[in-house]
C-alpha atoms as a PDB file:
ATOM      1  CA  MET A   1      -0.111  -0.072   0.016  1.00  0.00           C
ATOM      2  CA  ARG A   2       1.220   3.442  -0.797  1.00  0.00           C
ATOM      3  CA  VAL A   3       0.399   6.918   0.557  1.00  0.00           C
ATOM      4  CA  GLU A   4       0.220   9.994  -1.409  1.00  0.00           C
ATOM      5  CA  PHE A   5       1.597  13.109   0.283  1.00  0.00           C
ATOM      6  CA  TRP A   6       0.082  16.222  -0.874  1.00  0.00           C
ATOM      7  CA  PHE A   7       1.683  19.527   0.126  1.00  0.00           C
ATOM      8  CA  GLU A   8       2.352  23.259  -0.544  1.00  0.00           C
ATOM      9  CA  PHE A   9       5.297  24.842   0.268  1.00  0.00           C
ATOM     10  CA  ALA A  10       3.526  27.863   1.864  1.00  0.00           C
ATOM     11  CA  SER A  11       1.713  25.503   4.359  1.00  0.00           C
ATOM     12  CA  THR A  12       2.850  25.842   7.831  1.00  0.00           C
ATOM     13  CA  TYR A  13       1.793  22.374   8.842  1.00  0.00           C
ATOM     14  CA  SER A  14       3.053  20.763   5.869  1.00  0.00           C
ATOM     15  CA  TYR A  15       6.673  21.776   7.190  1.00  0.00           C
ATOM     16  CA  LEU A  16       5.791  19.447  10.209  1.00  0.00           C
ATOM     17  CA  SER A  17       4.739  16.606   7.895  1.00  0.00           C
ATOM     18  CA  ALA A  18       7.477  16.923   5.433  1.00  0.00           C
ATOM     19  CA  MET A  19      10.235  16.582   8.189  1.00  0.00           C
ATOM     20  CA  ARG A  20       8.450  13.717   9.884  1.00  0.00           C
ATOM     21  CA  LEU A  21       7.282  11.555   7.089  1.00  0.00           C
ATOM     22  CA  PRO A  22      10.311   9.953   5.950  1.00  0.00           C
ATOM     23  CA  ASP A  23      10.959   8.139   9.121  1.00  0.00           C
ATOM     24  CA  LEU A  24       7.438   7.636  10.070  1.00  0.00           C
ATOM     25  CA  ALA A  25       6.708   5.691   6.563  1.00  0.00           C
ATOM     26  CA  GLU A  26       9.925   3.538   6.831  1.00  0.00           C
ATOM     27  CA  GLU A  27       9.112   2.325  10.345  1.00  0.00           C
ATOM     28  CA  ARG A  28       5.871   1.130   9.103  1.00  0.00           C
ATOM     29  CA  GLY A  29       7.236  -0.012   5.716  1.00  0.00           C
ATOM     30  CA  ILE A  30       5.060   2.259   3.461  1.00  0.00           C
ATOM     31  CA  ASP A  31       5.853   3.535   0.237  1.00  0.00           C
ATOM     32  CA  VAL A  32       5.124   7.503   0.185  1.00  0.00           C
ATOM     33  CA  ILE A  33       4.692   9.408  -3.017  1.00  0.00           C
ATOM     34  CA  TRP A  34       5.282  13.323  -2.726  1.00  0.00           C
ATOM     35  CA  ARG A  35       2.858  15.177  -4.761  1.00  0.00           C
ATOM     36  CA  PRO A  36       3.576  19.041  -4.494  1.00  0.00           C
ATOM     37  CA  PHE A  37       0.383  21.244  -5.693  1.00  0.00           C
ATOM     38  CA  LEU A  38      -0.823  24.911  -5.454  1.00  0.00           C
ATOM     39  CA  LEU A  39      -3.178  25.724  -2.898  1.00  0.00           C
ATOM     40  CA  GLY A  40      -3.959  28.938  -4.683  1.00  0.00           C
ATOM     41  CA  PRO A  41      -6.263  27.586  -7.240  1.00  0.00           C
ATOM     42  CA  VAL A  42      -7.896  25.259  -4.390  1.00  0.00           C
ATOM     43  CA  PHE A  43      -8.762  28.428  -2.173  1.00  0.00           C
ATOM     44  CA  ALA A  44      -9.679  30.386  -5.180  1.00  0.00           C
ATOM     45  CA  ALA A  45     -12.417  27.432  -6.013  1.00  0.00           C
ATOM     46  CA  GLN A  46     -13.513  27.849  -2.329  1.00  0.00           C
ATOM     47  CA  GLY A  47     -14.032  31.623  -2.883  1.00  0.00           C
ATOM     48  CA  LEU A  48     -11.017  32.516  -0.696  1.00  0.00           C
ATOM     49  CA  SER A  49      -8.293  35.146  -1.891  1.00  0.00           C
ATOM     50  CA  ASP A  50      -5.872  34.535   0.595  1.00  0.00           C
ATOM     51  CA  SER A  51      -4.844  31.828   3.370  1.00  0.00           C
ATOM     52  CA  PRO A  52      -7.625  31.212   5.842  1.00  0.00           C
ATOM     53  CA  PHE A  53      -5.104  32.046   8.525  1.00  0.00           C
ATOM     54  CA  ASN A  54      -4.985  35.815   7.039  1.00  0.00           C
ATOM     55  CA  ILE A  55      -8.278  36.034   6.534  1.00  0.00           C
ATOM     56  CA  TYR A  56      -9.394  34.931  10.059  1.00  0.00           C
ATOM     57  CA  PRO A  57      -7.046  36.601  12.597  1.00  0.00           C
ATOM     58  CA  VAL A  58      -8.100  34.628  15.623  1.00  0.00           C
ATOM     59  CA  LYS A  59      -7.331  31.435  13.671  1.00  0.00           C
ATOM     60  CA  GLY A  60      -3.908  32.858  12.424  1.00  0.00           C
ATOM     61  CA  ARG A  61      -3.018  33.659  15.880  1.00  0.00           C
ATOM     62  CA  TYR A  62      -3.882  30.283  17.063  1.00  0.00           C
ATOM     63  CA  MET A  63      -1.861  28.755  14.376  1.00  0.00           C
ATOM     64  CA  TRP A  64       1.178  30.606  14.884  1.00  0.00           C
ATOM     65  CA  ARG A  65       1.179  29.761  18.545  1.00  0.00           C
ATOM     66  CA  ASP A  66       0.435  26.207  17.840  1.00  0.00           C
ATOM     67  CA  MET A  67       3.376  25.996  15.313  1.00  0.00           C
ATOM     68  CA  ALA A  68       5.623  27.057  18.043  1.00  0.00           C
ATOM     69  CA  ARG A  69       4.280  24.378  20.337  1.00  0.00           C
ATOM     70  CA  ARG A  70       4.593  21.907  17.760  1.00  0.00           C
ATOM     71  CA  THR A  71       8.040  22.413  16.449  1.00  0.00           C
ATOM     72  CA  ASP A  72       9.425  22.746  20.068  1.00  0.00           C
ATOM     73  CA  ALA A  73       7.855  19.438  20.733  1.00  0.00           C
ATOM     74  CA  LEU A  74       9.468  17.854  17.762  1.00  0.00           C
ATOM     75  CA  GLY A  75      12.769  19.263  18.056  1.00  0.00           C
ATOM     76  CA  LEU A  76      12.272  21.617  14.735  1.00  0.00           C
ATOM     77  CA  ALA A  77      13.721  25.286  14.465  1.00  0.00           C
ATOM     78  CA  PHE A  78      10.842  27.385  13.729  1.00  0.00           C
ATOM     79  CA  ALA A  79      10.649  31.206  12.464  1.00  0.00           C
ATOM     80  CA  LYS A  80       7.729  32.906  11.409  1.00  0.00           C
ATOM     81  CA  PRO A  81       8.336  33.723   7.719  1.00  0.00           C
ATOM     82  CA  GLU A  82       7.541  37.188   5.955  1.00  0.00           C
ATOM     83  CA  PRO A  83       5.758  37.540   3.931  1.00  0.00           C
ATOM     84  CA  PHE A  84       3.195  34.874   4.745  1.00  0.00           C
ATOM     85  CA  PRO A  85       1.923  33.077   2.890  1.00  0.00           C
ATOM     86  CA  GLN A  86       5.003  33.019   0.709  1.00  0.00           C
ATOM     87  CA  ASN A  87       5.276  32.348  -3.131  1.00  0.00           C
ATOM     88  CA  GLY A  88       6.164  28.743  -3.578  1.00  0.00           C
ATOM     89  CA  LEU A  89       5.540  28.271  -7.125  1.00  0.00           C
ATOM     90  CA  LEU A  90       9.175  28.166  -8.245  1.00  0.00           C
ATOM     91  CA  ALA A  91       9.743  25.661  -5.404  1.00  0.00           C
ATOM     92  CA  ALA A  92       7.042  23.641  -6.302  1.00  0.00           C
ATOM     93  CA  ARG A  93       8.127  23.394 -10.023  1.00  0.00           C
ATOM     94  CA  VAL A  94      11.553  22.381  -8.928  1.00  0.00           C
ATOM     95  CA  ALA A  95      10.064  19.689  -6.783  1.00  0.00           C
ATOM     96  CA  THR A  96       7.927  18.543  -9.631  1.00  0.00           C
ATOM     97  CA  ALA A  97      11.294  18.071 -11.958  1.00  0.00           C
ATOM     98  CA  ALA A  98      13.194  16.626  -8.926  1.00  0.00           C
ATOM     99  CA  LEU A  99      10.679  14.016  -7.301  1.00  0.00           C
ATOM    100  CA  PRO A 100      10.494  11.286  -6.776  1.00  0.00           C
ATOM    101  CA  ASP A 101      14.243  10.917  -6.255  1.00  0.00           C
ATOM    102  CA  ALA A 102      15.819  11.145  -2.888  1.00  0.00           C
ATOM    103  CA  ALA A 103      17.523  14.370  -3.671  1.00  0.00           C
ATOM    104  CA  GLY A 104      14.015  15.810  -4.655  1.00  0.00           C
ATOM    105  CA  ILE A 105      12.775  14.755  -1.107  1.00  0.00           C
ATOM    106  CA  ALA A 106      15.808  16.424   0.673  1.00  0.00           C
ATOM    107  CA  PHE A 107      15.134  19.868  -1.726  1.00  0.00           C
ATOM    108  CA  CYS A 108      11.704  19.763  -0.315  1.00  0.00           C
ATOM    109  CA  GLN A 109      12.865  19.436   3.220  1.00  0.00           C
ATOM    110  CA  ASN A 110      15.487  22.106   2.589  1.00  0.00           C
ATOM    111  CA  VAL A 111      12.812  24.374   1.275  1.00  0.00           C
ATOM    112  CA  TYR A 112      10.693  23.965   4.317  1.00  0.00           C
ATOM    113  CA  ASP A 113      13.763  24.523   6.485  1.00  0.00           C
ATOM    114  CA  ALA A 114      14.743  27.684   4.614  1.00  0.00           C
ATOM    115  CA  GLN A 115      11.270  29.090   5.212  1.00  0.00           C
ATOM    116  CA  PHE A 116      10.289  27.847   8.561  1.00  0.00           C
ATOM    117  CA  ALA A 117      13.481  27.519  10.345  1.00  0.00           C
ATOM    118  CA  GLN A 118      15.324  30.211   9.052  1.00  0.00           C
ATOM    119  CA  GLY A 119      12.779  32.640   8.058  1.00  0.00           C
ATOM    120  CA  LYS A 120      13.988  33.077   4.349  1.00  0.00           C
ATOM    121  CA  ASN A 121      11.856  33.987   1.291  1.00  0.00           C
ATOM    122  CA  ILE A 122      11.386  30.950  -1.058  1.00  0.00           C
ATOM    123  CA  ALA A 123       9.834  33.024  -3.762  1.00  0.00           C
ATOM    124  CA  SER A 124      13.791  34.060  -4.101  1.00  0.00           C
ATOM    125  CA  VAL A 125      15.541  32.271  -7.035  1.00  0.00           C
ATOM    126  CA  ASP A 126      18.886  32.114  -5.049  1.00  0.00           C
ATOM    127  CA  VAL A 127      17.036  30.602  -2.002  1.00  0.00           C
ATOM    128  CA  THR A 128      15.512  28.112  -3.947  1.00  0.00           C
ATOM    129  CA  ALA A 129      18.799  27.308  -6.048  1.00  0.00           C
ATOM    130  CA  ASP A 130      20.497  27.081  -2.916  1.00  0.00           C
ATOM    131  CA  CYS A 131      18.068  24.514  -1.551  1.00  0.00           C
ATOM    132  CA  ALA A 132      18.451  22.507  -4.887  1.00  0.00           C
ATOM    133  CA  GLU A 133      22.191  22.377  -4.554  1.00  0.00           C
ATOM    134  CA  ALA A 134      22.370  21.560  -0.797  1.00  0.00           C
ATOM    135  CA  ALA A 135      20.082  18.416  -1.965  1.00  0.00           C
ATOM    136  CA  GLY A 136      22.715  17.511  -4.480  1.00  0.00           C
ATOM    137  CA  LEU A 137      20.609  18.670  -7.389  1.00  0.00           C
ATOM    138  CA  SER A 138      22.388  19.874 -10.683  1.00  0.00           C
ATOM    139  CA  ARG A 139      21.905  23.567 -11.440  1.00  0.00           C
ATOM    140  CA  GLN A 140      20.101  22.584 -14.484  1.00  0.00           C
ATOM    141  CA  ILE A 141      17.462  21.515 -12.464  1.00  0.00           C
ATOM    142  CA  MET A 142      16.294  25.435 -12.199  1.00  0.00           C
ATOM    143  CA  GLU A 143      16.056  25.601 -16.129  1.00  0.00           C
ATOM    144  CA  GLN A 144      14.165  22.477 -16.225  1.00  0.00           C
ATOM    145  CA  ALA A 145      11.736  23.474 -13.648  1.00  0.00           C
ATOM    146  CA  GLN A 146      10.587  26.540 -16.049  1.00  0.00           C
ATOM    147  CA  SER A 147       9.964  23.975 -18.960  1.00  0.00           C
ATOM    148  CA  ASP A 148       6.488  23.716 -20.303  1.00  0.00           C
ATOM    149  CA  THR A 149       6.527  20.017 -19.442  1.00  0.00           C
ATOM    150  CA  VAL A 150       6.957  20.685 -15.659  1.00  0.00           C
ATOM    151  CA  LYS A 151       4.536  23.323 -15.573  1.00  0.00           C
ATOM    152  CA  ALA A 152       1.885  21.706 -17.031  1.00  0.00           C
ATOM    153  CA  LYS A 153       2.701  18.606 -14.734  1.00  0.00           C
ATOM    154  CA  LEU A 154       2.001  20.995 -11.821  1.00  0.00           C
ATOM    155  CA  ARG A 155      -1.157  22.164 -13.108  1.00  0.00           C
ATOM    156  CA  ALA A 156      -2.386  18.541 -13.628  1.00  0.00           C
ATOM    157  CA  ALA A 157      -1.296  17.651 -10.056  1.00  0.00           C
ATOM    158  CA  THR A 158      -3.382  20.617  -8.844  1.00  0.00           C
ATOM    159  CA  GLU A 159      -6.095  19.803 -10.742  1.00  0.00           C
ATOM    160  CA  ASP A 160      -5.951  16.061  -9.443  1.00  0.00           C
ATOM    161  CA  ALA A 161      -5.851  17.476  -5.783  1.00  0.00           C
ATOM    162  CA  GLN A 162      -9.181  19.168  -6.414  1.00  0.00           C
ATOM    163  CA  ALA A 163     -10.612  16.360  -8.175  1.00  0.00           C
ATOM    164  CA  LYS A 164      -9.733  14.096  -5.100  1.00  0.00           C
ATOM    165  CA  GLY A 165     -11.575  16.688  -2.864  1.00  0.00           C
ATOM    166  CA  LEU A 166      -8.338  18.165  -1.345  1.00  0.00           C
ATOM    167  CA  PHE A 167      -9.234  21.575   0.248  1.00  0.00           C
ATOM    168  CA  GLY A 168      -5.762  22.240   2.246  1.00  0.00           C
ATOM    169  CA  ALA A 169      -2.321  20.881   3.016  1.00  0.00           C
ATOM    170  CA  PRO A 170      -1.011  18.668   4.047  1.00  0.00           C
ATOM    171  CA  SER A 171      -3.335  15.926   3.040  1.00  0.00           C
ATOM    172  CA  PHE A 172      -2.712  12.276   2.779  1.00  0.00           C
ATOM    173  CA  THR A 173      -4.619  10.065   0.101  1.00  0.00           C
ATOM    174  CA  VAL A 174      -4.677   6.012   0.640  1.00  0.00           C
ATOM    175  CA  ASP A 175      -6.698   4.845  -2.297  1.00  0.00           C
ATOM    176  CA  GLU A 176     -10.081   6.589  -1.943  1.00  0.00           C
ATOM    177  CA  GLU A 177      -9.434   7.865   1.583  1.00  0.00           C
ATOM    178  CA  LEU A 178      -8.462  11.210   2.539  1.00  0.00           C
ATOM    179  CA  PHE A 179      -6.822  12.426   5.527  1.00  0.00           C
ATOM    180  CA  TRP A 180      -6.245  16.244   6.155  1.00  0.00           C
ATOM    181  CA  GLY A 181      -3.682  17.843   8.310  1.00  0.00           C
ATOM    182  CA  ASP A 182      -0.243  16.992   9.871  1.00  0.00           C
ATOM    183  CA  ASP A 183      -2.229  15.617  12.927  1.00  0.00           C
ATOM    184  CA  ARG A 184      -3.647  12.583  10.694  1.00  0.00           C
ATOM    185  CA  LEU A 185      -0.275  12.030   9.149  1.00  0.00           C
ATOM    186  CA  GLU A 186       0.214   8.852  11.635  1.00  0.00           C
ATOM    187  CA  GLU A 187      -3.583   7.735  10.972  1.00  0.00           C
ATOM    188  CA  ALA A 188      -3.092   7.893   7.379  1.00  0.00           C
ATOM    189  CA  LEU A 189       0.186   5.509   7.519  1.00  0.00           C
ATOM    190  CA  ASP A 190      -1.569   3.262   9.839  1.00  0.00           C
ATOM    191  CA  TRP A 191      -4.726   3.045   7.664  1.00  0.00           C
ATOM    192  CA  ALA A 192      -2.351   2.018   4.692  1.00  0.00           C
ATOM    193  CA  VAL A 193      -0.829  -0.680   7.031  1.00  0.00           C
ATOM    194  CA  LYS A 194      -4.026  -2.000   8.155  1.00  0.00           C
ATOM    195  CA  HIS A 195      -5.666  -2.072   4.475  1.00  0.00           C
ATOM    196  CA  GLY A 196      -2.754  -2.819   2.471  1.00  0.00           C
END
């Protein structure tokens, strides 16, 4: 049985899942397919023009405090990025080009670390290129990420996410079962083990 991990680089809680998932999945013998997608079109289809954490300030205040608690409990560094949400389009394209290789996963974790541990702006070409280089990806990945093929693949992934009923990130799908949120990560993996 395999789990699809749907993530958006601007998503705070996707940071937590991306950093925890490889070890948790390996412990359970679960194959994970990393699926970058864009939340902008998903939110727009719901009538939202911004992150719900910005639209509803009380929800946003809770989330930032919750992230501080969760990262502390998990032993992860945390820095609130400015601006929020950040534009993760370039990073999503690089991830689309680099996955499913291990270097692609390392790149994704590097991007999350740059944004949510170091407070860097991942919309920066230099920041994204540094994340790619640190993951062992060649410099050509930056050019490949801008190809029509990769752009179309990312658009298709976002459309696929919407077709599967995703409304936020992180999300996990196991066949037709949808699990939403970092707090459902273990449940998704356990479901895959039980029903595999």
